[in-house]
All heavy atoms as atom14 arrays in JSON, in Angstrom:
{
  "sequence": "EVNPISIQSLRNVIEAFNATSYFRAIHECDASKFQLPESQPFDIVVIE",
  "atom14_mask": [
    [1, 1, 1, 1, 1, 1, 1, 1, 1, 0, 0, 0, 0, 0],
    [1, 1, 1, 1, 1, 1, 1, 0, 0, 0, 0, 0, 0, 0],
    [1, 1, 1, 1, 1, 1, 1, 1, 0, 0, 0, 0, 0, 0],
    [1, 1, 1, 1, 1, 1, 1, 0, 0, 0, 0, 0, 0, 0],
    [1, 1, 1, 1, 1, 1, 1, 1, 0, 0, 0, 0, 0, 0],
    [1, 1, 1, 1, 1, 1, 0, 0, 0, 0, 0, 0, 0, 0],
    [1, 1, 1, 1, 1, 1, 1, 1, 0, 0, 0, 0, 0, 0],
    [1, 1, 1, 1, 1, 1, 1, 1, 1, 0, 0, 0, 0, 0],
    [1, 1, 1, 1, 1, 1, 0, 0, 0, 0, 0, 0, 0, 0],
    [1, 1, 1, 1, 1, 1, 1, 1, 0, 0, 0, 0, 0, 0],
    [1, 1, 1, 1, 1, 1, 1, 1, 1, 1, 1, 0, 0, 0],
    [1, 1, 1, 1, 1, 1, 1, 1, 0, 0, 0, 0, 0, 0],
    [1, 1, 1, 1, 1, 1, 1, 0, 0, 0, 0, 0, 0, 0],
    [1, 1, 1, 1, 1, 1, 1, 1, 0, 0, 0, 0, 0, 0],
    [1, 1, 1, 1, 1, 1, 1, 1, 1, 0, 0, 0, 0, 0],
    [1, 1, 1, 1, 1, 0, 0, 0, 0, 0, 0, 0, 0, 0],
    [1, 1, 1, 1, 1, 1, 1, 1, 1, 1, 1, 0, 0, 0],
    [1, 1, 1, 1, 1, 1, 1, 1, 0, 0, 0, 0, 0, 0],
    [1, 1, 1, 1, 1, 0, 0, 0, 0, 0, 0, 0, 0, 0],
    [1, 1, 1, 1, 1, 1, 1, 0, 0, 0, 0, 0, 0, 0],
    [1, 1, 1, 1, 1, 1, 0, 0, 0, 0, 0, 0, 0, 0],
    [1, 1, 1, 1, 1, 1, 1, 1, 1, 1, 1, 1, 0, 0],
    [1, 1, 1, 1, 1, 1, 1, 1, 1, 1, 1, 0, 0, 0],
    [1, 1, 1, 1, 1, 1, 1, 1, 1, 1, 1, 0, 0, 0],
    [1, 1, 1, 1, 1, 0, 0, 0, 0, 0, 0, 0, 0, 0],
    [1, 1, 1, 1, 1, 1, 1, 1, 0, 0, 0, 0, 0, 0],
    [1, 1, 1, 1, 1, 1, 1, 1, 1, 1, 0, 0, 0, 0],
    [1, 1, 1, 1, 1, 1, 1, 1, 1, 0, 0, 0, 0, 0],
    [1, 1, 1, 1, 1, 1, 0, 0, 0, 0, 0, 0, 0, 0],
    [1, 1, 1, 1, 1, 1, 1, 1, 0, 0, 0, 0, 0, 0],
    [1, 1, 1, 1, 1, 0, 0, 0, 0, 0, 0, 0, 0, 0],
    [1, 1, 1, 1, 1, 1, 0, 0, 0, 0, 0, 0, 0, 0],
    [1, 1, 1, 1, 1, 1, 1, 1, 1, 0, 0, 0, 0, 0],
    [1, 1, 1, 1, 1, 1, 1, 1, 1, 1, 1, 0, 0, 0],
    [1, 1, 1, 1, 1, 1, 1, 1, 1, 0, 0, 0, 0, 0],
    [1, 1, 1, 1, 1, 1, 1, 1, 0, 0, 0, 0, 0, 0],
    [1, 1, 1, 1, 1, 1, 1, 0, 0, 0, 0, 0, 0, 0],
    [1, 1, 1, 1, 1, 1, 1, 1, 1, 0, 0, 0, 0, 0],
    [1, 1, 1, 1, 1, 1, 0, 0, 0, 0, 0, 0, 0, 0],
    [1, 1, 1, 1, 1, 1, 1, 1, 1, 0, 0, 0, 0, 0],
    [1, 1, 1, 1, 1, 1, 1, 0, 0, 0, 0, 0, 0, 0],
    [1, 1, 1, 1, 1, 1, 1, 1, 1, 1, 1, 0, 0, 0],
    [1, 1, 1, 1, 1, 1, 1, 1, 0, 0, 0, 0, 0, 0],
    [1, 1, 1, 1, 1, 1, 1, 1, 0, 0, 0, 0, 0, 0],
    [1, 1, 1, 1, 1, 1, 1, 0, 0, 0, 0, 0, 0, 0],
    [1, 1, 1, 1, 1, 1, 1, 0, 0, 0, 0, 0, 0, 0],
    [1, 1, 1, 1, 1, 1, 1, 1, 0, 0, 0, 0, 0, 0],
    [1, 1, 1, 1, 1, 1, 1, 1, 1, 0, 0, 0, 0, 0]
  ],
  "atom14_positions": [
    [[287.05, -9.45, 139.87], [285.59, -9.55, 139.69], [285.08, -8.17, 139.45], [285.47, -7.17, 140.1], [284.98, -10.12, 140.93], [283.46, -10.15, 140.96], [282.78, -10.82, 139.82], [283.19, -11.93, 139.46], [281.86, -10.23, 139.22], [0.0, 0.0, 0.0], [0.0, 0.0, 0.0], [0.0, 0.0, 0.0], [0.0, 0.0, 0.0], [0.0, 0.0, 0.0]],
    [[284.17, -8.06, 138.47], [283.71, -6.76, 138.07], [282.44, -6.29, 138.78], [282.12, -5.13, 138.89], [283.45, -6.74, 136.51], [282.24, -7.57, 136.16], [283.31, -5.32, 135.97], [0.0, 0.0, 0.0], [0.0, 0.0, 0.0], [0.0, 0.0, 0.0], [0.0, 0.0, 0.0], [0.0, 0.0, 0.0], [0.0, 0.0, 0.0], [0.0, 0.0, 0.0]],
    [[281.69, -7.23, 139.36], [280.4, -6.94, 140.02], [280.62, -6.66, 141.48], [280.99, -7.52, 142.2], [279.45, -8.08, 139.77], [278.05, -7.79, 140.24], [277.8, -7.11, 141.19], [277.07, -8.24, 139.44], [0.0, 0.0, 0.0], [0.0, 0.0, 0.0], [0.0, 0.0, 0.0], [0.0, 0.0, 0.0], [0.0, 0.0, 0.0], [0.0, 0.0, 0.0]],
    [[280.31, -5.44, 141.95], [280.59, -5.09, 143.35], [279.72, -5.95, 144.3], [280.15, -6.22, 145.44], [280.27, -3.6, 143.47], [279.41, -3.3, 142.21], [279.78, -4.28, 141.19], [0.0, 0.0, 0.0], [0.0, 0.0, 0.0], [0.0, 0.0, 0.0], [0.0, 0.0, 0.0], [0.0, 0.0, 0.0], [0.0, 0.0, 0.0], [0.0, 0.0, 0.0]],
    [[278.5, -6.27, 143.89], [277.66, -7.14, 144.75], [278.26, -8.51, 144.88], [278.24, -9.12, 146.0], [276.19, -7.18, 144.21], [275.62, -5.82, 144.04], [275.33, -7.99, 145.24], [274.23, -5.83, 143.45], [0.0, 0.0, 0.0], [0.0, 0.0, 0.0], [0.0, 0.0, 0.0], [0.0, 0.0, 0.0], [0.0, 0.0, 0.0], [0.0, 0.0, 0.0]],
    [[278.79, -9.04, 143.83], [279.52, -10.33, 143.88], [280.64, -10.27, 144.89], [280.97, -11.19, 145.68], [280.02, -10.75, 142.49], [278.97, -11.3, 141.71], [0.0, 0.0, 0.0], [0.0, 0.0, 0.0], [0.0, 0.0, 0.0], [0.0, 0.0, 0.0], [0.0, 0.0, 0.0], [0.0, 0.0, 0.0], [0.0, 0.0, 0.0], [0.0, 0.0, 0.0]],
    [[281.37, -9.15, 144.82], [282.55, -9.06, 145.68], [282.13, -9.02, 147.18], [282.74, -9.69, 148.01], [283.36, -7.75, 145.34], [284.06, -7.97, 144.01], [284.39, -7.42, 146.45], [284.82, -6.76, 143.51], [0.0, 0.0, 0.0], [0.0, 0.0, 0.0], [0.0, 0.0, 0.0], [0.0, 0.0, 0.0], [0.0, 0.0, 0.0], [0.0, 0.0, 0.0]],
    [[281.05, -8.3, 147.52], [280.6, -8.31, 148.9], [280.17, -9.65, 149.32], [280.41, -10.1, 150.42], [279.45, -7.29, 149.08], [279.0, -7.11, 150.51], [280.13, -6.84, 151.47], [280.81, -5.84, 151.31], [280.31, -7.67, 152.49], [0.0, 0.0, 0.0], [0.0, 0.0, 0.0], [0.0, 0.0, 0.0], [0.0, 0.0, 0.0], [0.0, 0.0, 0.0]],
    [[279.41, -10.37, 148.44], [279.01, -11.74, 148.63], [280.16, -12.65, 148.94], [280.23, -13.44, 149.88], [278.2, -12.25, 147.49], [277.9, -13.65, 147.65], [0.0, 0.0, 0.0], [0.0, 0.0, 0.0], [0.0, 0.0, 0.0], [0.0, 0.0, 0.0], [0.0, 0.0, 0.0], [0.0, 0.0, 0.0], [0.0, 0.0, 0.0], [0.0, 0.0, 0.0]],
    [[281.23, -12.51, 148.08], [282.44, -13.28, 148.27], [283.14, -13.04, 149.57], [283.57, -13.99, 150.31], [283.37, -13.03, 147.09], [284.72, -13.73, 147.16], [284.63, -15.23, 147.33], [285.62, -13.38, 145.94], [0.0, 0.0, 0.0], [0.0, 0.0, 0.0], [0.0, 0.0, 0.0], [0.0, 0.0, 0.0], [0.0, 0.0, 0.0], [0.0, 0.0, 0.0]],
    [[283.21, -11.77, 149.99], [283.79, -11.44, 151.24], [283.06, -12.1, 152.37], [283.63, -12.55, 153.4], [283.88, -9.94, 151.42], [284.87, -9.23, 150.44], [285.02, -7.74, 150.86], [285.84, -7.05, 149.82], [287.17, -7.11, 149.76], [287.86, -7.86, 150.62], [287.83, -6.43, 148.85], [0.0, 0.0, 0.0], [0.0, 0.0, 0.0], [0.0, 0.0, 0.0]],
    [[281.73, -12.13, 152.27], [280.94, -12.77, 153.33], [281.24, -14.33, 153.39], [281.32, -14.85, 154.45], [279.45, -12.59, 153.0], [279.0, -11.14, 153.25], [279.67, -10.36, 153.9], [277.87, -10.77, 152.68], [0.0, 0.0, 0.0], [0.0, 0.0, 0.0], [0.0, 0.0, 0.0], [0.0, 0.0, 0.0], [0.0, 0.0, 0.0], [0.0, 0.0, 0.0]],
    [[281.37, -14.91, 152.19], [281.71, -16.35, 152.14], [283.07, -16.62, 152.78], [283.25, -17.51, 153.58], [281.64, -16.84, 150.68], [282.24, -18.22, 150.58], [280.24, -16.8, 150.12], [0.0, 0.0, 0.0], [0.0, 0.0, 0.0], [0.0, 0.0, 0.0], [0.0, 0.0, 0.0], [0.0, 0.0, 0.0], [0.0, 0.0, 0.0], [0.0, 0.0, 0.0]],
    [[284.03, -15.75, 152.44], [285.42, -15.92, 152.97], [285.36, -15.86, 154.49], [285.98, -16.62, 155.19], [286.3, -14.85, 152.36], [286.57, -15.17, 150.89], [287.67, -14.82, 153.12], [287.24, -13.96, 150.15], [0.0, 0.0, 0.0], [0.0, 0.0, 0.0], [0.0, 0.0, 0.0], [0.0, 0.0, 0.0], [0.0, 0.0, 0.0], [0.0, 0.0, 0.0]],
    [[284.61, -14.87, 154.99], [284.51, -14.71, 156.47], [283.82, -15.9, 157.08], [284.24, -16.36, 158.15], [283.72, -13.39, 156.79], [283.62, -13.15, 158.28], [282.85, -11.86, 158.6], [282.53, -11.15, 157.61], [282.55, -11.59, 159.8], [0.0, 0.0, 0.0], [0.0, 0.0, 0.0], [0.0, 0.0, 0.0], [0.0, 0.0, 0.0], [0.0, 0.0, 0.0]],
    [[282.79, -16.42, 156.47], [282.0, -17.49, 157.01], [282.82, -18.76, 157.13], [282.64, -19.56, 158.01], [280.74, -17.78, 156.18], [0.0, 0.0, 0.0], [0.0, 0.0, 0.0], [0.0, 0.0, 0.0], [0.0, 0.0, 0.0], [0.0, 0.0, 0.0], [0.0, 0.0, 0.0], [0.0, 0.0, 0.0], [0.0, 0.0, 0.0], [0.0, 0.0, 0.0]],
    [[283.84, -18.93, 156.24], [284.7, -20.1, 156.26], [286.06, -19.8, 156.91], [286.95, -20.63, 156.9], [284.9, -20.64, 154.86], [283.73, -21.27, 154.25], [282.84, -20.61, 153.42], [283.48, -22.65, 154.53], [281.74, -21.26, 152.89], [282.37, -23.27, 154.0], [281.46, -22.57, 153.19], [0.0, 0.0, 0.0], [0.0, 0.0, 0.0], [0.0, 0.0, 0.0]],
    [[286.16, -18.59, 157.5], [287.42, -18.21, 158.19], [288.57, -18.39, 157.26], [289.59, -18.93, 157.65], [287.6, -19.05, 159.48], [288.58, -18.43, 160.39], [288.9, -17.27, 160.37], [289.22, -19.27, 161.24], [0.0, 0.0, 0.0], [0.0, 0.0, 0.0], [0.0, 0.0, 0.0], [0.0, 0.0, 0.0], [0.0, 0.0, 0.0], [0.0, 0.0, 0.0]],
    [[288.43, -17.87, 156.03], [289.44, -18.13, 154.95], [290.17, -16.91, 154.49], [290.8, -16.91, 153.45], [288.69, -18.82, 153.75], [0.0, 0.0, 0.0], [0.0, 0.0, 0.0], [0.0, 0.0, 0.0], [0.0, 0.0, 0.0], [0.0, 0.0, 0.0], [0.0, 0.0, 0.0], [0.0, 0.0, 0.0], [0.0, 0.0, 0.0], [0.0, 0.0, 0.0]],
    [[290.1, -15.87, 155.31], [290.82, -14.58, 154.92], [292.28, -14.8, 154.59], [292.75, -14.14, 153.67], [290.65, -13.6, 156.01], [289.26, -13.36, 156.33], [291.26, -12.25, 155.61], [0.0, 0.0, 0.0], [0.0, 0.0, 0.0], [0.0, 0.0, 0.0], [0.0, 0.0, 0.0], [0.0, 0.0, 0.0], [0.0, 0.0, 0.0], [0.0, 0.0, 0.0]],
    [[292.95, -15.68, 155.28], [294.36, -15.82, 155.08], [294.71, -16.5, 153.7], [295.92, -16.49, 153.35], [294.94, -16.72, 156.23], [294.3, -17.99, 156.28], [0.0, 0.0, 0.0], [0.0, 0.0, 0.0], [0.0, 0.0, 0.0], [0.0, 0.0, 0.0], [0.0, 0.0, 0.0], [0.0, 0.0, 0.0], [0.0, 0.0, 0.0], [0.0, 0.0, 0.0]],
    [[293.7, -17.02, 153.02], [293.95, -17.62, 151.72], [293.95, -16.59, 150.55], [294.4, -16.84, 149.46], [292.89, -18.62, 151.35], [293.04, -19.99, 152.13], [292.47, -20.15, 153.37], [293.78, -21.03, 151.6], [292.58, -21.37, 154.04], [293.87, -22.27, 152.25], [293.28, -22.39, 153.49], [293.4, -23.58, 154.16], [0.0, 0.0, 0.0], [0.0, 0.0, 0.0]],
    [[293.35, -15.44, 150.84], [293.13, -14.48, 149.77], [294.1, -13.27, 149.89], [293.96, -12.47, 150.77], [291.65, -14.01, 149.8], [290.69, -15.11, 149.34], [290.32, -16.12, 150.23], [290.25, -15.07, 148.07], [289.5, -17.16, 149.82], [289.36, -16.1, 147.64], [288.98, -17.09, 148.53], [0.0, 0.0, 0.0], [0.0, 0.0, 0.0], [0.0, 0.0, 0.0]],
    [[294.99, -13.26, 148.9], [296.0, -12.15, 148.87], [295.39, -10.81, 148.52], [295.71, -9.79, 149.07], [297.12, -12.54, 147.89], [298.29, -11.67, 148.04], [299.46, -12.09, 147.14], [299.98, -13.38, 147.51], [300.8, -13.63, 148.52], [301.16, -12.64, 149.31], [301.25, -14.81, 148.78], [0.0, 0.0, 0.0], [0.0, 0.0, 0.0], [0.0, 0.0, 0.0]],
    [[294.43, -10.83, 147.56], [293.78, -9.57, 147.13], [292.51, -9.89, 146.36], [292.41, -10.99, 145.75], [294.75, -8.77, 146.25], [0.0, 0.0, 0.0], [0.0, 0.0, 0.0], [0.0, 0.0, 0.0], [0.0, 0.0, 0.0], [0.0, 0.0, 0.0], [0.0, 0.0, 0.0], [0.0, 0.0, 0.0], [0.0, 0.0, 0.0], [0.0, 0.0, 0.0]],
    [[291.59, -8.99, 146.41], [290.36, -9.07, 145.58], [290.19, -7.71, 144.9], [290.08, -6.67, 145.57], [289.07, -9.37, 146.45], [289.21, -10.69, 147.18], [287.82, -9.34, 145.58], [288.1, -11.0, 148.16], [0.0, 0.0, 0.0], [0.0, 0.0, 0.0], [0.0, 0.0, 0.0], [0.0, 0.0, 0.0], [0.0, 0.0, 0.0], [0.0, 0.0, 0.0]],
    [[290.23, -7.7, 143.56], [290.21, -6.48, 142.79], [288.84, -6.31, 142.13], [288.43, -7.26, 141.39], [291.31, -6.42, 141.76], [292.73, -6.51, 142.3], [293.33, -5.43, 142.84], [293.57, -7.55, 142.45], [294.52, -5.75, 143.28], [294.7, -7.04, 143.03], [0.0, 0.0, 0.0], [0.0, 0.0, 0.0], [0.0, 0.0, 0.0], [0.0, 0.0, 0.0]],
    [[288.2, -5.22, 142.31], [286.97, -4.91, 141.55], [287.42, -4.21, 140.22], [287.89, -3.15, 140.29], [286.12, -3.95, 142.32], [284.77, -3.61, 141.62], [283.92, -2.65, 142.35], [284.02, -2.53, 143.59], [283.07, -1.92, 141.69], [0.0, 0.0, 0.0], [0.0, 0.0, 0.0], [0.0, 0.0, 0.0], [0.0, 0.0, 0.0], [0.0, 0.0, 0.0]],
    [[287.26, -4.97, 139.15], [287.83, -4.45, 137.86], [287.24, -5.22, 136.71], [286.67, -6.29, 136.83], [289.37, -4.62, 137.88], [289.86, -6.39, 137.91], [0.0, 0.0, 0.0], [0.0, 0.0, 0.0], [0.0, 0.0, 0.0], [0.0, 0.0, 0.0], [0.0, 0.0, 0.0], [0.0, 0.0, 0.0], [0.0, 0.0, 0.0], [0.0, 0.0, 0.0]],
    [[287.47, -4.65, 135.53], [287.21, -5.32, 134.26], [288.52, -6.04, 133.93], [289.48, -5.45, 133.57], [286.84, -4.32, 133.2], [286.64, -4.9, 131.84], [286.93, -6.13, 131.68], [286.1, -4.21, 130.96], [0.0, 0.0, 0.0], [0.0, 0.0, 0.0], [0.0, 0.0, 0.0], [0.0, 0.0, 0.0], [0.0, 0.0, 0.0], [0.0, 0.0, 0.0]],
    [[288.47, -7.38, 134.03], [289.72, -8.14, 133.88], [290.26, -8.12, 132.46], [291.4, -8.43, 132.23], [289.44, -9.63, 134.26], [0.0, 0.0, 0.0], [0.0, 0.0, 0.0], [0.0, 0.0, 0.0], [0.0, 0.0, 0.0], [0.0, 0.0, 0.0], [0.0, 0.0, 0.0], [0.0, 0.0, 0.0], [0.0, 0.0, 0.0], [0.0, 0.0, 0.0]],
    [[289.44, -7.62, 131.46], [289.98, -7.5, 130.11], [290.85, -6.25, 129.96], [291.49, -6.15, 128.93], [288.76, -7.42, 129.09], [288.08, -6.2, 129.29], [0.0, 0.0, 0.0], [0.0, 0.0, 0.0], [0.0, 0.0, 0.0], [0.0, 0.0, 0.0], [0.0, 0.0, 0.0], [0.0, 0.0, 0.0], [0.0, 0.0, 0.0], [0.0, 0.0, 0.0]],
    [[290.91, -5.43, 131.02], [291.75, -4.24, 130.93], [292.75, -4.14, 132.09], [293.6, -3.31, 132.09], [290.87, -2.98, 130.97], [289.94, -2.9, 129.71], [289.1, -1.63, 129.83], [288.19, -1.41, 128.62], [287.39, -0.18, 128.7], [0.0, 0.0, 0.0], [0.0, 0.0, 0.0], [0.0, 0.0, 0.0], [0.0, 0.0, 0.0], [0.0, 0.0, 0.0]],
    [[292.53, -5.02, 133.05], [293.3, -4.88, 134.35], [294.81, -5.12, 134.15], [295.2, -6.07, 133.47], [292.77, -5.89, 135.33], [293.34, -5.77, 136.73], [293.07, -4.65, 137.52], [294.22, -6.74, 137.2], [293.59, -4.54, 138.79], [294.78, -6.62, 138.49], [294.47, -5.54, 139.28], [0.0, 0.0, 0.0], [0.0, 0.0, 0.0], [0.0, 0.0, 0.0]],
    [[295.62, -4.32, 134.74], [297.07, -4.46, 134.7], [297.52, -5.12, 135.97], [297.31, -4.59, 137.08], [297.8, -3.11, 134.54], [297.53, -2.48, 133.19], [298.0, -3.34, 132.02], [299.15, -3.7, 131.96], [297.09, -3.67, 131.16], [0.0, 0.0, 0.0], [0.0, 0.0, 0.0], [0.0, 0.0, 0.0], [0.0, 0.0, 0.0], [0.0, 0.0, 0.0]],
    [[298.09, -6.27, 135.86], [298.51, -7.06, 137.03], [299.7, -6.38, 137.68], [300.54, -5.8, 137.02], [298.92, -8.48, 136.62], [297.8, -9.34, 135.98], [298.41, -10.68, 135.49], [296.71, -9.64, 137.0], [0.0, 0.0, 0.0], [0.0, 0.0, 0.0], [0.0, 0.0, 0.0], [0.0, 0.0, 0.0], [0.0, 0.0, 0.0], [0.0, 0.0, 0.0]],
    [[299.77, -6.48, 139.02], [300.96, -5.97, 139.73], [302.2, -6.7, 139.29], [302.24, -7.92, 139.31], [300.62, -6.2, 141.21], [299.59, -7.27, 141.2], [298.84, -7.08, 139.96], [0.0, 0.0, 0.0], [0.0, 0.0, 0.0], [0.0, 0.0, 0.0], [0.0, 0.0, 0.0], [0.0, 0.0, 0.0], [0.0, 0.0, 0.0], [0.0, 0.0, 0.0]],
    [[303.22, -5.94, 138.91], [304.46, -6.54, 138.38], [305.21, -7.37, 139.46], [305.89, -8.32, 139.15], [305.41, -5.46, 137.82], [304.84, -4.8, 136.55], [305.78, -3.8, 136.02], [306.92, -3.71, 136.55], [305.45, -3.13, 135.02], [0.0, 0.0, 0.0], [0.0, 0.0, 0.0], [0.0, 0.0, 0.0], [0.0, 0.0, 0.0], [0.0, 0.0, 0.0]],
    [[304.97, -6.96, 140.74], [305.68, -7.66, 141.82], [305.07, -8.98, 142.16], [305.63, -9.71, 143.05], [305.69, -6.72, 143.05], [304.39, -6.42, 143.44], [0.0, 0.0, 0.0], [0.0, 0.0, 0.0], [0.0, 0.0, 0.0], [0.0, 0.0, 0.0], [0.0, 0.0, 0.0], [0.0, 0.0, 0.0], [0.0, 0.0, 0.0], [0.0, 0.0, 0.0]],
    [[303.92, -9.31, 141.58], [303.23, -10.53, 142.01], [303.18, -11.57, 140.85], [302.32, -11.49, 139.93], [301.78, -10.19, 142.41], [300.97, -11.37, 142.91], [301.59, -12.02, 144.11], [301.88, -11.34, 145.1], [301.94, -13.26, 143.98], [0.0, 0.0, 0.0], [0.0, 0.0, 0.0], [0.0, 0.0, 0.0], [0.0, 0.0, 0.0], [0.0, 0.0, 0.0]],
    [[304.1, -12.55, 140.85], [304.03, -13.58, 139.78], [302.93, -14.57, 140.07], [302.54, -14.78, 141.28], [305.4, -14.26, 139.9], [305.78, -14.07, 141.38], [305.2, -12.76, 141.73], [0.0, 0.0, 0.0], [0.0, 0.0, 0.0], [0.0, 0.0, 0.0], [0.0, 0.0, 0.0], [0.0, 0.0, 0.0], [0.0, 0.0, 0.0], [0.0, 0.0, 0.0]],
    [[302.36, -15.2, 139.05], [301.3, -16.16, 139.28], [301.7, -17.48, 138.59], [302.35, -17.5, 137.62], [300.0, -15.68, 138.65], [299.43, -14.46, 139.37], [299.57, -13.2, 138.91], [298.71, -14.67, 140.57], [299.1, -12.09, 139.59], [298.23, -13.53, 141.27], [298.4, -12.26, 140.79], [0.0, 0.0, 0.0], [0.0, 0.0, 0.0], [0.0, 0.0, 0.0]],
    [[301.28, -18.57, 139.22], [301.62, -19.92, 138.79], [300.45, -20.52, 137.96], [300.68, -21.3, 137.07], [301.92, -20.85, 139.96], [303.04, -20.29, 140.76], [304.14, -20.17, 140.26], [302.78, -19.98, 142.0], [0.0, 0.0, 0.0], [0.0, 0.0, 0.0], [0.0, 0.0, 0.0], [0.0, 0.0, 0.0], [0.0, 0.0, 0.0], [0.0, 0.0, 0.0]],
    [[299.2, -20.14, 138.37], [297.99, -20.68, 137.71], [297.05, -19.49, 137.51], [296.87, -18.64, 138.38], [297.31, -21.72, 138.64], [298.26, -22.93, 138.9], [296.02, -22.2, 138.05], [297.8, -23.83, 139.99], [0.0, 0.0, 0.0], [0.0, 0.0, 0.0], [0.0, 0.0, 0.0], [0.0, 0.0, 0.0], [0.0, 0.0, 0.0], [0.0, 0.0, 0.0]],
    [[296.42, -19.46, 136.37], [295.38, -18.47, 136.11], [294.09, -19.19, 135.66], [294.14, -20.05, 134.77], [295.78, -17.43, 135.07], [296.24, -18.02, 133.75], [294.66, -16.43, 134.81], [0.0, 0.0, 0.0], [0.0, 0.0, 0.0], [0.0, 0.0, 0.0], [0.0, 0.0, 0.0], [0.0, 0.0, 0.0], [0.0, 0.0, 0.0], [0.0, 0.0, 0.0]],
    [[293.03, -18.92, 136.36], [291.72, -19.5, 136.07], [290.86, -18.41, 135.45], [290.58, -17.42, 136.08], [291.04, -20.05, 137.33], [289.7, -20.71, 137.02], [291.96, -21.06, 138.04], [0.0, 0.0, 0.0], [0.0, 0.0, 0.0], [0.0, 0.0, 0.0], [0.0, 0.0, 0.0], [0.0, 0.0, 0.0], [0.0, 0.0, 0.0], [0.0, 0.0, 0.0]],
    [[290.47, -18.62, 134.2], [289.59, -17.64, 133.48], [288.29, -18.4, 133.19], [288.26, -19.16, 132.26], [290.26, -17.12, 132.27], [291.61, -16.49, 132.62], [289.36, -16.04, 131.61], [292.45, -15.96, 131.39], [0.0, 0.0, 0.0], [0.0, 0.0, 0.0], [0.0, 0.0, 0.0], [0.0, 0.0, 0.0], [0.0, 0.0, 0.0], [0.0, 0.0, 0.0]],
    [[287.27, -18.11, 133.93], [286.03, -18.9, 133.78], [284.94, -17.91, 133.6], [284.11, -17.7, 134.52], [285.83, -19.8, 135.03], [284.89, -20.98, 134.77], [283.43, -20.64, 134.88], [283.09, -19.95, 135.87], [282.61, -21.05, 134.02], [0.0, 0.0, 0.0], [0.0, 0.0, 0.0], [0.0, 0.0, 0.0], [0.0, 0.0, 0.0], [0.0, 0.0, 0.0]]
  ]
}
């Protein structure tokens, strides 16, 4: 997610639902340039 305010909002939502254990990482970045960690394979990508 590129918007820092969105990220803080999302962290609040995650905490409110006690869902921290579901989220491996949250990156503040421009996804059109972001380099994914090579050690982390993904099965599904949602681009919305």
